[in-house]
Amino acid sequence: MPFGCLAVRDGRVYNSLSDVTDKYEIGQILKAKEFCELCLVKERETDKVYVCKKFLKKDGRKVRKAAKNEIMILKMVNHPNILQLKDTFETRKEYFIIQELATGGDVFDWILDQGNYTERDAANVIRQVLEAVAYLHSLNIVHRNLKLENLMYYTENNHNKVVLRDFYLSKFENGSITEPCGTPEYLAPEVVARHRYGRPVDCWAVGVIMYILSGNPPFYDETEEENTDMHNRIIFCRIVAGDFEFDSPYWDDISPAAKDLVCRMMEVDPMLRITAQEALWHEWIAGNGASEKNLKDGVCAQFEKNFAKAKWRVRAALNTL
């Protein structure tokens, strides 16, 4: 039996907490998320700092499933636009997932802080997301929770590299998936309608992210309070119908190429929806279709109007429907 590990009656071998603390100095909790706690850890041998997710087994079956799922997926993937796994530990009470630390902040906040923001900036973000998604799809992995707040810049000093995080809802497409999950406003029509679904749901979500980078959500309800059943029903009806528009004046200065790509990613029929690899060849990504016009003032004004409360950005749950 490995030193520092514990065997229990079910025959499994667990790490002891000292296995974690002997290798890493654990800092204070930075944030408590829906399924886990986040903290910084410093590797004692190298003094390198990483981010650690701690899942508490006592929090229930869904939390335990989320932790095991994320560990399984992260052990399989290796891509420059995905936060890489450093270490994992499982004790009798917890799961620890230690990953690279992205210090550049999320894309949403970066846009608000810039003096200049163009379609080309947005295209740079979307291209990297599509490259990560195309890689996942080549492994038959569906992320299932792509959203703007799961995108981060890797470093503070260089806002060129975007990384994707949070894989606890990811799943292999080794057969059609049926259970609904994710963040309501990013859900594809086939998920909302409780149909079988697969990789195309990620492409729909990238389309929603791309639309939001204009400053507005594609599906909204101005008459109801957020986080209510009626609000979700209205949003879901609009998603199933593909009921979104390029509202004036917010989209007046957006290029035809951008609008075309949004429409192709947010195609209601998943069989007709553009794939991640096909989207990478689109002129807005690979050509000269993205405008260089500064959209900063209009986009940020809409961001602050639509997302100031931050409720829309943080909502996520398993089995939301």
C-alpha atoms as a PDB file:
ATOM      1  CA  MET A   1       0.000   0.000   0.000  1.00  0.00           C
ATOM      2  CA  PRO A   2       1.423   3.474  -0.877  1.00  0.00           C
ATOM      3  CA  PHE A   3       2.695   5.474   2.067  1.00  0.00           C
ATOM      4  CA  GLY A   4       0.113   8.009   3.288  1.00  0.00           C
ATOM      5  CA  CYS A   5      -2.856   6.217   1.765  1.00  0.00           C
ATOM      6  CA  LEU A   6      -5.798   4.574   3.467  1.00  0.00           C
ATOM      7  CA  ALA A   7      -7.609   1.389   2.521  1.00  0.00           C
ATOM      8  CA  VAL A   8     -11.282   0.965   3.392  1.00  0.00           C
ATOM      9  CA  ARG A   9     -13.704  -1.906   3.365  1.00  0.00           C
ATOM     10  CA  ASP A  10     -14.801  -1.425  -0.231  1.00  0.00           C
ATOM     11  CA  GLY A  11     -11.242  -2.193  -1.339  1.00  0.00           C
ATOM     12  CA  ARG A  12     -10.531   1.321  -2.624  1.00  0.00           C
ATOM     13  CA  VAL A  13      -7.340   3.164  -1.746  1.00  0.00           C
ATOM     14  CA  TYR A  14      -7.640   6.785  -0.656  1.00  0.00           C
ATOM     15  CA  ASN A  15      -5.101   9.537  -0.128  1.00  0.00           C
ATOM     16  CA  SER A  16      -4.749  11.024   3.311  1.00  0.00           C
ATOM     17  CA  LEU A  17      -4.976  14.783   3.705  1.00  0.00           C
ATOM     18  CA  SER A  18      -1.261  14.808   4.535  1.00  0.00           C
ATOM     19  CA  ASP A  19      -0.544  13.578   0.990  1.00  0.00           C
ATOM     20  CA  VAL A  20      -1.945  16.891  -0.205  1.00  0.00           C
ATOM     21  CA  THR A  21      -0.391  19.134   2.442  1.00  0.00           C
ATOM     22  CA  ASP A  22       3.041  17.471   2.205  1.00  0.00           C
ATOM     23  CA  LYS A  23       3.205  18.427  -1.463  1.00  0.00           C
ATOM     24  CA  TYR A  24       1.237  21.687  -1.459  1.00  0.00           C
ATOM     25  CA  GLU A  25       0.772  24.610   0.872  1.00  0.00           C
ATOM     26  CA  ILE A  26      -2.966  25.302   0.807  1.00  0.00           C
ATOM     27  CA  GLY A  27      -4.140  28.912   0.962  1.00  0.00           C
ATOM     28  CA  GLN A  28      -7.435  30.368   2.081  1.00  0.00           C
ATOM     29  CA  ILE A  29     -10.638  29.742   0.161  1.00  0.00           C
ATOM     30  CA  LEU A  30     -10.998  32.281  -2.649  1.00  0.00           C
ATOM     31  CA  LYS A  31     -14.501  31.439  -3.744  1.00  0.00           C
ATOM     32  CA  ALA A  32     -17.250  28.978  -2.942  1.00  0.00           C
ATOM     33  CA  LYS A  33     -18.897  27.796  -6.159  1.00  0.00           C
ATOM     34  CA  GLU A  34     -21.978  25.676  -6.590  1.00  0.00           C
ATOM     35  CA  PHE A  35     -20.145  22.358  -6.493  1.00  0.00           C
ATOM     36  CA  CYS A  36     -16.744  23.176  -5.041  1.00  0.00           C
ATOM     37  CA  GLU A  37     -14.458  25.562  -3.203  1.00  0.00           C
ATOM     38  CA  LEU A  38     -11.573  27.316  -4.951  1.00  0.00           C
ATOM     39  CA  CYS A  39      -8.261  28.158  -3.319  1.00  0.00           C
ATOM     40  CA  LEU A  40      -4.657  28.776  -4.321  1.00  0.00           C
ATOM     41  CA  VAL A  41      -1.992  26.213  -3.531  1.00  0.00           C
ATOM     42  CA  LYS A  42       1.788  26.504  -3.711  1.00  0.00           C
ATOM     43  CA  GLU A  43       3.885  23.498  -4.619  1.00  0.00           C
ATOM     44  CA  ARG A  44       6.453  23.191  -1.874  1.00  0.00           C
ATOM     45  CA  GLU A  45       9.235  21.829  -4.096  1.00  0.00           C
ATOM     46  CA  THR A  46       9.015  24.510  -6.818  1.00  0.00           C
ATOM     47  CA  ASP A  47       7.102  27.414  -5.196  1.00  0.00           C
ATOM     48  CA  LYS A  48       4.809  27.424  -8.241  1.00  0.00           C
ATOM     49  CA  VAL A  49       1.233  28.514  -7.589  1.00  0.00           C
ATOM     50  CA  TYR A  50      -1.790  26.600  -8.868  1.00  0.00           C
ATOM     51  CA  VAL A  51      -5.539  26.730  -8.414  1.00  0.00           C
ATOM     52  CA  CYS A  52      -7.213  23.973  -6.404  1.00  0.00           C
ATOM     53  CA  LYS A  53     -10.828  22.838  -6.522  1.00  0.00           C
ATOM     54  CA  LYS A  54     -12.054  20.996  -3.452  1.00  0.00           C
ATOM     55  CA  PHE A  55     -15.236  18.957  -3.744  1.00  0.00           C
ATOM     56  CA  LEU A  56     -16.788  17.778  -0.473  1.00  0.00           C
ATOM     57  CA  LYS A  57     -18.272  14.300  -0.737  1.00  0.00           C
ATOM     58  CA  LYS A  58     -20.817  15.051   1.984  1.00  0.00           C
ATOM     59  CA  ASP A  59     -22.455  17.591  -0.348  1.00  0.00           C
ATOM     60  CA  GLY A  60     -24.189  14.805  -2.215  1.00  0.00           C
ATOM     61  CA  ARG A  61     -24.211  12.467  -5.169  1.00  0.00           C
ATOM     62  CA  LYS A  62     -24.231  15.221  -7.804  1.00  0.00           C
ATOM     63  CA  VAL A  63     -21.121  16.810  -6.327  1.00  0.00           C
ATOM     64  CA  ARG A  64     -19.302  13.478  -6.149  1.00  0.00           C
ATOM     65  CA  LYS A  65     -20.307  12.726  -9.737  1.00  0.00           C
ATOM     66  CA  ALA A  66     -19.186  16.185 -10.904  1.00  0.00           C
ATOM     67  CA  ALA A  67     -15.766  15.780  -9.281  1.00  0.00           C
ATOM     68  CA  LYS A  68     -15.132  12.303 -10.699  1.00  0.00           C
ATOM     69  CA  ASN A  69     -16.324  13.431 -14.105  1.00  0.00           C
ATOM     70  CA  GLU A  70     -14.040  16.463 -14.203  1.00  0.00           C
ATOM     71  CA  ILE A  71     -11.044  14.391 -13.114  1.00  0.00           C
ATOM     72  CA  MET A  72     -11.707  11.796 -15.825  1.00  0.00           C
ATOM     73  CA  ILE A  73     -12.037  14.413 -18.575  1.00  0.00           C
ATOM     74  CA  LEU A  74      -9.032  16.501 -17.503  1.00  0.00           C
ATOM     75  CA  LYS A  75      -6.790  13.441 -17.441  1.00  0.00           C
ATOM     76  CA  MET A  76      -7.595  12.904 -21.126  1.00  0.00           C
ATOM     77  CA  VAL A  77      -7.179  16.401 -22.567  1.00  0.00           C
ATOM     78  CA  ASN A  78      -4.085  18.373 -23.495  1.00  0.00           C
ATOM     79  CA  HIS A  79      -4.670  21.610 -25.402  1.00  0.00           C
ATOM     80  CA  PRO A  80      -3.204  25.137 -25.094  1.00  0.00           C
ATOM     81  CA  ASN A  81      -6.672  26.659 -24.682  1.00  0.00           C
ATOM     82  CA  ILE A  82      -7.734  24.332 -21.868  1.00  0.00           C
ATOM     83  CA  LEU A  83      -6.501  24.763 -18.294  1.00  0.00           C
ATOM     84  CA  GLN A  84      -4.273  21.767 -17.760  1.00  0.00           C
ATOM     85  CA  LEU A  85      -4.483  19.324 -14.901  1.00  0.00           C
ATOM     86  CA  LYS A  86      -1.526  19.241 -12.492  1.00  0.00           C
ATOM     87  CA  ASP A  87      -2.594  16.794  -9.769  1.00  0.00           C
ATOM     88  CA  THR A  88      -5.578  15.006  -8.224  1.00  0.00           C
ATOM     89  CA  PHE A  89      -6.200  13.541  -4.795  1.00  0.00           C
ATOM     90  CA  GLU A  90      -9.122  11.657  -3.316  1.00  0.00           C
ATOM     91  CA  THR A  91      -9.481  11.324   0.441  1.00  0.00           C
ATOM     92  CA  ARG A  92     -12.371   9.695   2.265  1.00  0.00           C
ATOM     93  CA  LYS A  93     -14.058  13.113   2.530  1.00  0.00           C
ATOM     94  CA  GLU A  94     -12.877  15.169  -0.447  1.00  0.00           C
ATOM     95  CA  TYR A  95     -11.694  15.350  -4.020  1.00  0.00           C
ATOM     96  CA  PHE A  96      -8.874  17.786  -4.841  1.00  0.00           C
ATOM     97  CA  ILE A  97      -8.268  18.932  -8.431  1.00  0.00           C
ATOM     98  CA  ILE A  98      -5.129  21.037  -8.936  1.00  0.00           C
ATOM     99  CA  GLN A  99      -4.778  22.910 -12.231  1.00  0.00           C
ATOM    100  CA  GLU A 100      -2.809  25.620 -13.932  1.00  0.00           C
ATOM    101  CA  LEU A 101      -3.569  29.098 -12.605  1.00  0.00           C
ATOM    102  CA  ALA A 102      -4.986  31.609 -15.087  1.00  0.00           C
ATOM    103  CA  THR A 103      -4.298  35.127 -13.800  1.00  0.00           C
ATOM    104  CA  GLY A 104      -5.594  37.308 -16.621  1.00  0.00           C
ATOM    105  CA  GLY A 105      -9.198  37.598 -15.424  1.00  0.00           C
ATOM    106  CA  ASP A 106     -12.336  36.660 -17.290  1.00  0.00           C
ATOM    107  CA  VAL A 107     -13.070  37.903 -20.791  1.00  0.00           C
ATOM    108  CA  PHE A 108     -16.159  39.821 -19.670  1.00  0.00           C
ATOM    109  CA  ASP A 109     -14.182  42.025 -17.261  1.00  0.00           C
ATOM    110  CA  TRP A 110     -11.337  42.447 -19.748  1.00  0.00           C
ATOM    111  CA  ILE A 111     -13.689  44.005 -22.300  1.00  0.00           C
ATOM    112  CA  LEU A 112     -14.957  46.490 -19.715  1.00  0.00           C
ATOM    113  CA  ASP A 113     -11.387  47.524 -18.888  1.00  0.00           C
ATOM    114  CA  GLN A 114     -10.234  48.172 -22.454  1.00  0.00           C
ATOM    115  CA  GLY A 115      -9.989  51.536 -24.179  1.00  0.00           C
ATOM    116  CA  ASN A 116     -10.543  49.924 -27.563  1.00  0.00           C
ATOM    117  CA  TYR A 117     -12.640  46.877 -28.462  1.00  0.00           C
ATOM    118  CA  THR A 118     -13.265  45.637 -31.990  1.00  0.00           C
ATOM    119  CA  GLU A 119     -14.760  42.664 -33.776  1.00  0.00           C
ATOM    120  CA  ARG A 120     -11.212  41.487 -34.369  1.00  0.00           C
ATOM    121  CA  ASP A 121     -10.737  41.284 -30.584  1.00  0.00           C
ATOM    122  CA  ALA A 122     -13.955  39.262 -30.302  1.00  0.00           C
ATOM    123  CA  ALA A 123     -12.900  37.036 -33.214  1.00  0.00           C
ATOM    124  CA  ASN A 124      -9.606  36.294 -31.449  1.00  0.00           C
ATOM    125  CA  VAL A 125     -11.546  35.068 -28.409  1.00  0.00           C
ATOM    126  CA  ILE A 126     -14.050  33.019 -30.414  1.00  0.00           C
ATOM    127  CA  ARG A 127     -11.299  31.443 -32.559  1.00  0.00           C
ATOM    128  CA  GLN A 128      -9.516  30.098 -29.487  1.00  0.00           C
ATOM    129  CA  VAL A 129     -12.760  28.817 -27.988  1.00  0.00           C
ATOM    130  CA  LEU A 130     -13.569  27.059 -31.255  1.00  0.00           C
ATOM    131  CA  GLU A 131     -10.106  25.515 -31.383  1.00  0.00           C
ATOM    132  CA  ALA A 132     -10.606  24.081 -27.880  1.00  0.00           C
ATOM    133  CA  VAL A 133     -14.117  22.892 -28.752  1.00  0.00           C
ATOM    134  CA  ALA A 134     -12.992  21.311 -32.036  1.00  0.00           C
ATOM    135  CA  TYR A 135     -10.292  19.451 -30.093  1.00  0.00           C
ATOM    136  CA  LEU A 136     -12.800  18.213 -27.500  1.00  0.00           C
ATOM    137  CA  HIS A 137     -15.205  17.153 -30.228  1.00  0.00           C
ATOM    138  CA  SER A 138     -12.419  15.197 -31.957  1.00  0.00           C
ATOM    139  CA  LEU A 139     -12.271  13.163 -28.726  1.00  0.00           C
ATOM    140  CA  ASN A 140     -16.079  12.813 -28.696  1.00  0.00           C
ATOM    141  CA  ILE A 141     -16.273  15.031 -25.595  1.00  0.00           C
ATOM    142  CA  VAL A 142     -19.192  17.462 -25.221  1.00  0.00           C
ATOM    143  CA  HIS A 143     -18.433  20.292 -22.782  1.00  0.00           C
ATOM    144  CA  ARG A 144     -22.120  21.078 -22.080  1.00  0.00           C
ATOM    145  CA  ASN A 145     -21.485  24.243 -20.055  1.00  0.00           C
ATOM    146  CA  LEU A 146     -19.763  26.692 -22.375  1.00  0.00           C
ATOM    147  CA  LYS A 147     -20.437  30.268 -21.282  1.00  0.00           C
ATOM    148  CA  LEU A 148     -18.657  33.592 -21.144  1.00  0.00           C
ATOM    149  CA  GLU A 149     -17.640  33.310 -17.485  1.00  0.00           C
ATOM    150  CA  ASN A 150     -15.865  30.010 -18.176  1.00  0.00           C
ATOM    151  CA  LEU A 151     -13.399  31.820 -20.437  1.00  0.00           C
ATOM    152  CA  MET A 152     -10.301  33.419 -18.928  1.00  0.00           C
ATOM    153  CA  TYR A 153      -7.165  35.116 -20.141  1.00  0.00           C
ATOM    154  CA  TYR A 154      -4.136  33.061 -19.187  1.00  0.00           C
ATOM    155  CA  THR A 155      -1.932  35.908 -17.912  1.00  0.00           C
ATOM    156  CA  GLU A 156      -2.399  39.506 -16.815  1.00  0.00           C
ATOM    157  CA  ASN A 157       0.331  40.889 -19.064  1.00  0.00           C
ATOM    158  CA  ASN A 158      -0.635  39.167 -22.294  1.00  0.00           C
ATOM    159  CA  HIS A 159      -4.313  39.102 -23.196  1.00  0.00           C
ATOM    160  CA  ASN A 160      -3.849  36.994 -26.293  1.00  0.00           C
ATOM    161  CA  LYS A 161      -4.330  33.518 -24.865  1.00  0.00           C
ATOM    162  CA  VAL A 162      -7.822  32.450 -23.777  1.00  0.00           C
ATOM    163  CA  VAL A 163      -8.352  29.284 -21.752  1.00  0.00           C
ATOM    164  CA  LEU A 164     -11.457  27.220 -21.116  1.00  0.00           C
ATOM    165  CA  ARG A 165     -12.284  25.873 -17.658  1.00  0.00           C
ATOM    166  CA  ASP A 166     -14.893  23.866 -15.709  1.00  0.00           C
ATOM    167  CA  PHE A 167     -15.456  20.389 -17.117  1.00  0.00           C
ATOM    168  CA  TYR A 168     -17.655  18.925 -14.402  1.00  0.00           C
ATOM    169  CA  LEU A 169     -20.655  18.682 -16.764  1.00  0.00           C
ATOM    170  CA  SER A 170     -18.662  17.359 -19.727  1.00  0.00           C
ATOM    171  CA  LYS A 171     -19.595  14.003 -21.173  1.00  0.00           C
ATOM    172  CA  PHE A 172     -18.505  11.517 -23.796  1.00  0.00           C
ATOM    173  CA  GLU A 173     -20.781  11.270 -26.811  1.00  0.00           C
ATOM    174  CA  ASN A 174     -20.667   7.486 -27.007  1.00  0.00           C
ATOM    175  CA  GLY A 175     -24.383   7.447 -27.685  1.00  0.00           C
ATOM    176  CA  SER A 176     -26.983  10.200 -27.613  1.00  0.00           C
ATOM    177  CA  ILE A 177     -27.190  12.258 -24.424  1.00  0.00           C
ATOM    178  CA  THR A 178     -30.623  12.951 -22.975  1.00  0.00           C
ATOM    179  CA  GLU A 179     -30.351  14.554 -19.526  1.00  0.00           C
ATOM    180  CA  PRO A 180     -30.769  18.348 -19.569  1.00  0.00           C
ATOM    181  CA  CYS A 181     -28.064  20.384 -17.840  1.00  0.00           C
ATOM    182  CA  GLY A 182     -26.200  23.651 -18.187  1.00  0.00           C
ATOM    183  CA  THR A 183     -26.933  27.356 -17.831  1.00  0.00           C
ATOM    184  CA  PRO A 184     -30.442  28.277 -19.062  1.00  0.00           C
ATOM    185  CA  GLU A 185     -29.619  31.126 -21.451  1.00  0.00           C
ATOM    186  CA  TYR A 186     -26.910  29.098 -23.217  1.00  0.00           C
ATOM    187  CA  LEU A 187     -28.943  25.929 -23.741  1.00  0.00           C
ATOM    188  CA  ALA A 188     -29.479  24.685 -27.290  1.00  0.00           C
ATOM    189  CA  PRO A 189     -33.055  24.109 -28.536  1.00  0.00           C
ATOM    190  CA  GLU A 190     -32.664  20.334 -28.505  1.00  0.00           C
ATOM    191  CA  VAL A 191     -31.695  20.414 -24.813  1.00  0.00           C
ATOM    192  CA  VAL A 192     -34.626  22.654 -23.903  1.00  0.00           C
ATOM    193  CA  ALA A 193     -36.980  20.405 -25.879  1.00  0.00           C
ATOM    194  CA  ARG A 194     -35.578  17.350 -24.046  1.00  0.00           C
ATOM    195  CA  HIS A 195     -34.490  15.689 -27.265  1.00  0.00           C
ATOM    196  CA  ARG A 196     -31.377  13.593 -27.652  1.00  0.00           C
ATOM    197  CA  TYR A 197     -28.346  15.765 -28.232  1.00  0.00           C
ATOM    198  CA  GLY A 198     -24.588  15.784 -28.707  1.00  0.00           C
ATOM    199  CA  ARG A 199     -21.676  17.941 -29.820  1.00  0.00           C
ATOM    200  CA  PRO A 200     -23.765  20.549 -31.701  1.00  0.00           C
ATOM    201  CA  VAL A 201     -24.961  21.965 -28.344  1.00  0.00           C
ATOM    202  CA  ASP A 202     -21.459  23.337 -27.773  1.00  0.00           C
ATOM    203  CA  CYS A 203     -21.507  25.144 -31.112  1.00  0.00           C
ATOM    204  CA  TRP A 204     -24.846  26.731 -30.196  1.00  0.00           C
ATOM    205  CA  ALA A 205     -23.331  27.930 -26.901  1.00  0.00           C
ATOM    206  CA  VAL A 206     -20.346  29.454 -28.726  1.00  0.00           C
ATOM    207  CA  GLY A 207     -22.874  31.304 -30.893  1.00  0.00           C
ATOM    208  CA  VAL A 208     -24.528  32.667 -27.751  1.00  0.00           C
ATOM    209  CA  ILE A 209     -21.126  33.775 -26.427  1.00  0.00           C
ATOM    210  CA  MET A 210     -20.369  35.476 -29.721  1.00  0.00           C
ATOM    211  CA  TYR A 211     -23.724  37.265 -29.640  1.00  0.00           C
ATOM    212  CA  ILE A 212     -23.129  38.402 -26.043  1.00  0.00           C
ATOM    213  CA  LEU A 213     -19.776  39.917 -27.057  1.00  0.00           C
ATOM    214  CA  SER A 214     -21.900  42.558 -28.811  1.00  0.00           C
ATOM    215  CA  GLY A 215     -23.156  43.639 -25.379  1.00  0.00           C
ATOM    216  CA  ASN A 216     -26.567  41.956 -25.348  1.00  0.00           C
ATOM    217  CA  PRO A 217     -27.951  38.477 -24.688  1.00  0.00           C
ATOM    218  CA  PRO A 218     -29.728  36.899 -27.683  1.00  0.00           C
ATOM    219  CA  PHE A 219     -32.655  35.654 -25.574  1.00  0.00           C
ATOM    220  CA  TYR A 220     -34.064  37.840 -22.833  1.00  0.00           C
ATOM    221  CA  ASP A 221     -37.199  38.639 -20.884  1.00  0.00           C
ATOM    222  CA  GLU A 222     -37.678  42.200 -19.694  1.00  0.00           C
ATOM    223  CA  THR A 223     -41.024  41.582 -17.973  1.00  0.00           C
ATOM    224  CA  GLU A 224     -40.050  39.057 -15.305  1.00  0.00           C
ATOM    225  CA  GLU A 225     -37.556  38.898 -12.490  1.00  0.00           C
ATOM    226  CA  GLU A 226     -34.563  36.683 -13.169  1.00  0.00           C
ATOM    227  CA  ASN A 227     -34.353  33.240 -11.588  1.00  0.00           C
ATOM    228  CA  THR A 228     -38.110  32.669 -11.755  1.00  0.00           C
ATOM    229  CA  ASP A 229     -39.913  29.801 -13.465  1.00  0.00           C
ATOM    230  CA  MET A 230     -41.820  32.220 -15.684  1.00  0.00           C
ATOM    231  CA  HIS A 231     -38.587  33.910 -16.756  1.00  0.00           C
ATOM    232  CA  ASN A 232     -37.056  30.574 -17.715  1.00  0.00           C
ATOM    233  CA  ARG A 233     -40.184  29.487 -19.602  1.00  0.00           C
ATOM    234  CA  ILE A 234     -40.142  32.664 -21.691  1.00  0.00           C
ATOM    235  CA  ILE A 235     -36.423  32.267 -22.428  1.00  0.00           C
ATOM    236  CA  PHE A 236     -36.867  28.591 -23.304  1.00  0.00           C
ATOM    237  CA  CYS A 237     -39.746  29.308 -25.705  1.00  0.00           C
ATOM    238  CA  ARG A 238     -37.584  31.827 -27.547  1.00  0.00           C
ATOM    239  CA  ILE A 239     -34.633  29.431 -27.677  1.00  0.00           C
ATOM    240  CA  VAL A 240     -36.716  26.589 -29.142  1.00  0.00           C
ATOM    241  CA  ALA A 241     -38.095  28.955 -31.778  1.00  0.00           C
ATOM    242  CA  GLY A 242     -34.662  30.461 -32.516  1.00  0.00           C
ATOM    243  CA  ASP A 243     -36.287  33.804 -31.773  1.00  0.00           C
ATOM    244  CA  PHE A 244     -33.384  36.256 -31.751  1.00  0.00           C
ATOM    245  CA  GLU A 245     -32.746  39.397 -33.777  1.00  0.00           C
ATOM    246  CA  PHE A 246     -29.864  41.715 -34.594  1.00  0.00           C
ATOM    247  CA  ASP A 247     -31.449  44.684 -32.857  1.00  0.00           C
ATOM    248  CA  SER A 248     -30.787  48.238 -33.996  1.00  0.00           C
ATOM    249  CA  PRO A 249     -28.805  50.274 -33.095  1.00  0.00           C
ATOM    250  CA  TYR A 250     -26.602  47.709 -31.311  1.00  0.00           C
ATOM    251  CA  TRP A 251     -25.898  45.612 -34.382  1.00  0.00           C
ATOM    252  CA  ASP A 252     -25.871  48.411 -36.959  1.00  0.00           C
ATOM    253  CA  ASP A 253     -22.070  48.598 -36.991  1.00  0.00           C
ATOM    254  CA  ILE A 254     -21.502  44.829 -36.810  1.00  0.00           C
ATOM    255  CA  SER A 255     -20.213  43.185 -39.976  1.00  0.00           C
ATOM    256  CA  PRO A 256     -22.337  40.917 -42.191  1.00  0.00           C
ATOM    257  CA  ALA A 257     -19.756  38.162 -41.633  1.00  0.00           C
ATOM    258  CA  ALA A 258     -20.297  38.265 -37.866  1.00  0.00           C
ATOM    259  CA  LYS A 259     -24.067  38.057 -38.278  1.00  0.00           C
ATOM    260  CA  ASP A 260     -23.720  35.156 -40.709  1.00  0.00           C
ATOM    261  CA  LEU A 261     -21.554  33.145 -38.314  1.00  0.00           C
ATOM    262  CA  VAL A 262     -23.928  33.768 -35.397  1.00  0.00           C
ATOM    263  CA  CYS A 263     -26.843  32.549 -37.506  1.00  0.00           C
ATOM    264  CA  ARG A 264     -24.982  29.427 -38.565  1.00  0.00           C
ATOM    265  CA  MET A 265     -23.959  28.565 -35.012  1.00  0.00           C
ATOM    266  CA  MET A 266     -27.417  29.322 -33.643  1.00  0.00           C
ATOM    267  CA  GLU A 267     -29.243  27.245 -36.228  1.00  0.00           C
ATOM    268  CA  VAL A 268     -32.198  25.554 -34.501  1.00  0.00           C
ATOM    269  CA  ASP A 269     -31.740  22.282 -36.390  1.00  0.00           C
ATOM    270  CA  PRO A 270     -28.578  20.640 -34.956  1.00  0.00           C
ATOM    271  CA  MET A 271     -28.109  18.668 -38.197  1.00  0.00           C
ATOM    272  CA  LEU A 272     -27.735  21.948 -40.097  1.00  0.00           C
ATOM    273  CA  ARG A 273     -25.712  23.780 -37.438  1.00  0.00           C
ATOM    274  CA  ILE A 274     -22.125  24.607 -38.318  1.00  0.00           C
ATOM    275  CA  THR A 275     -19.470  22.483 -36.586  1.00  0.00           C
ATOM    276  CA  ALA A 276     -16.602  23.927 -34.575  1.00  0.00           C
ATOM    277  CA  GLN A 277     -14.103  22.969 -37.268  1.00  0.00           C
ATOM    278  CA  GLU A 278     -16.240  24.477 -40.029  1.00  0.00           C
ATOM    279  CA  ALA A 279     -16.617  27.678 -37.992  1.00  0.00           C
ATOM    280  CA  LEU A 280     -12.825  27.972 -37.792  1.00  0.00           C
ATOM    281  CA  TRP A 281     -12.783  28.232 -41.596  1.00  0.00           C
ATOM    282  CA  HIS A 282     -15.447  30.967 -41.660  1.00  0.00           C
ATOM    283  CA  GLU A 283     -14.363  34.333 -43.049  1.00  0.00           C
ATOM    284  CA  TRP A 284     -15.069  36.111 -39.733  1.00  0.00           C
ATOM    285  CA  ILE A 285     -12.501  33.852 -38.049  1.00  0.00           C
ATOM    286  CA  ALA A 286     -10.025  32.905 -40.771  1.00  0.00           C
ATOM    287  CA  GLY A 287     -10.487  35.758 -43.245  1.00  0.00           C
ATOM    288  CA  ASN A 288     -10.936  39.506 -43.196  1.00  0.00           C
ATOM    289  CA  GLY A 289     -14.607  39.529 -42.248  1.00  0.00           C
ATOM    290  CA  ALA A 290     -14.169  40.986 -38.742  1.00  0.00           C
ATOM    291  CA  SER A 291     -14.388  44.774 -38.546  1.00  0.00           C
ATOM    292  CA  GLU A 292     -11.665  46.888 -36.921  1.00  0.00           C
ATOM    293  CA  LYS A 293     -14.116  49.589 -35.832  1.00  0.00           C
ATOM    294  CA  ASN A 294     -13.981  50.511 -32.142  1.00  0.00           C
ATOM    295  CA  LEU A 295     -17.194  49.242 -30.524  1.00  0.00           C
ATOM    296  CA  LYS A 296     -16.133  49.940 -26.942  1.00  0.00           C
ATOM    297  CA  ASP A 297     -18.655  52.623 -25.915  1.00  0.00           C
ATOM    298  CA  GLY A 298     -21.769  50.926 -27.234  1.00  0.00           C
ATOM    299  CA  VAL A 299     -20.815  47.429 -26.103  1.00  0.00           C
ATOM    300  CA  CYS A 300     -19.821  48.443 -22.575  1.00  0.00           C
ATOM    301  CA  ALA A 301     -22.965  50.526 -22.107  1.00  0.00           C
ATOM    302  CA  GLN A 302     -25.041  47.452 -22.971  1.00  0.00           C
ATOM    303  CA  PHE A 303     -22.910  45.191 -20.775  1.00  0.00           C
ATOM    304  CA  GLU A 304     -23.509  47.439 -17.779  1.00  0.00           C
ATOM    305  CA  LYS A 305     -27.229  47.648 -18.519  1.00  0.00           C
ATOM    306  CA  ASN A 306     -27.791  43.935 -19.126  1.00  0.00           C
ATOM    307  CA  PHE A 307     -25.295  42.280 -16.807  1.00  0.00           C
ATOM    308  CA  ALA A 308     -24.728  44.762 -13.981  1.00  0.00           C
ATOM    309  CA  LYS A 309     -26.487  42.583 -11.412  1.00  0.00           C
ATOM    310  CA  ALA A 310     -24.268  39.660 -12.455  1.00  0.00           C
ATOM    311  CA  LYS A 311     -27.172  37.251 -11.833  1.00  0.00           C
ATOM    312  CA  TRP A 312     -27.338  36.284 -15.490  1.00  0.00           C
ATOM    313  CA  ARG A 313     -23.648  35.508 -15.585  1.00  0.00           C
ATOM    314  CA  VAL A 314     -23.399  33.199 -12.601  1.00  0.00           C
ATOM    315  CA  ARG A 315     -26.483  31.011 -12.907  1.00  0.00           C
ATOM    316  CA  ALA A 316     -25.701  27.369 -13.554  1.00  0.00           C
ATOM    317  CA  ALA A 317     -27.067  24.123 -12.291  1.00  0.00           C
ATOM    318  CA  LEU A 318     -27.320  20.446 -12.988  1.00  0.00           C
ATOM    319  CA  ASN A 319     -30.753  19.491 -14.282  1.00  0.00           C
ATOM    320  CA  THR A 320     -31.958  23.058 -14.706  1.00  0.00           C
ATOM    321  CA  LEU A 321     -35.063  22.142 -16.687  1.00  0.00           C
END
